[in-house]
Amino acid sequence: MIKQELLDIIACPKCKGPVRLNEDETGLICENCQLVYEIRDGIPIMLIDEAAPLNKEQTS
């Protein structure tokens, strides 16, 4: 699980906008870019090339 302090300071590397934890806590969502950044072993992978497109199912 990612600590709230980290979520408060982390930003999307593409648009520098806010990100939020997805419902199952496996990724960080950037609504502006419509991207999901995967969390592996508790570490967010904040690389634009590694991000996946946001699906409608992931928006909750």
Protein backbone atom coordinates (compact mmCIF):
# COMPACT_ATOMS: atom_id res chain seq x y z
CA MET A 1 0.00 0.00 0.00
CA ILE A 2 1.21 3.48 -0.84
CA LYS A 3 1.30 6.00 1.98
CA GLN A 4 -0.89 9.09 1.74
CA GLU A 5 2.17 11.35 2.11
CA LEU A 6 3.56 9.95 -1.15
CA LEU A 7 0.21 10.31 -2.93
CA ASP A 8 0.09 13.95 -1.84
CA ILE A 9 3.38 14.82 -3.57
CA ILE A 10 3.47 12.49 -6.58
CA ALA A 11 2.36 13.89 -9.95
CA CYS A 12 1.84 12.61 -13.47
CA PRO A 13 5.17 12.82 -15.31
CA LYS A 14 3.43 13.73 -18.56
CA CYS A 15 1.18 16.64 -17.53
CA LYS A 16 2.43 17.27 -13.96
CA GLY A 17 -1.19 16.95 -12.79
CA PRO A 18 -2.53 15.04 -9.79
CA VAL A 19 -2.84 11.26 -9.73
CA ARG A 20 -5.05 9.10 -7.57
CA LEU A 21 -4.95 5.50 -6.44
CA ASN A 22 -7.27 3.18 -8.35
CA GLU A 23 -9.88 1.14 -6.48
CA ASP A 24 -7.85 -2.08 -6.21
CA GLU A 25 -4.64 -0.14 -5.39
CA THR A 26 -2.67 -1.60 -8.33
CA GLY A 27 -2.11 1.66 -10.14
CA LEU A 28 -2.19 5.45 -10.11
CA ILE A 29 -4.67 7.17 -12.42
CA CYS A 30 -4.13 10.47 -14.19
CA GLU A 31 -7.54 11.71 -15.30
CA ASN A 32 -6.02 14.47 -17.47
CA CYS A 33 -3.90 12.11 -19.59
CA GLN A 34 -6.24 9.12 -19.28
CA LEU A 35 -3.29 6.94 -18.19
CA VAL A 36 -2.70 4.37 -15.46
CA TYR A 37 0.74 4.00 -13.91
CA GLU A 38 1.23 0.49 -12.50
CA ILE A 39 2.33 -0.14 -8.92
CA ARG A 40 4.81 -3.05 -8.68
CA ASP A 41 5.89 -4.36 -5.29
CA GLY A 42 4.61 -1.18 -3.66
CA ILE A 43 6.55 1.08 -6.03
CA PRO A 44 4.71 3.29 -8.55
CA ILE A 45 6.25 3.00 -12.02
CA MET A 46 5.97 6.63 -13.12
CA LEU A 47 7.35 6.22 -16.65
CA ILE A 48 5.23 7.55 -19.51
CA ASP A 49 6.33 4.68 -21.77
CA GLU A 50 5.18 2.13 -19.15
CA ALA A 51 1.75 3.71 -18.57
CA ALA A 52 -1.39 2.02 -19.87
CA PRO A 53 -4.45 3.74 -21.36
CA LEU A 54 -7.26 4.27 -18.87
CA ASN A 55 -10.24 1.95 -19.38
CA LYS A 56 -13.74 2.93 -18.34
CA GLU A 57 -13.72 0.03 -15.81
CA GLN A 58 -10.68 1.56 -14.06
CA THR A 59 -12.23 4.97 -13.42
CA SER A 60 -13.94 3.99 -10.16
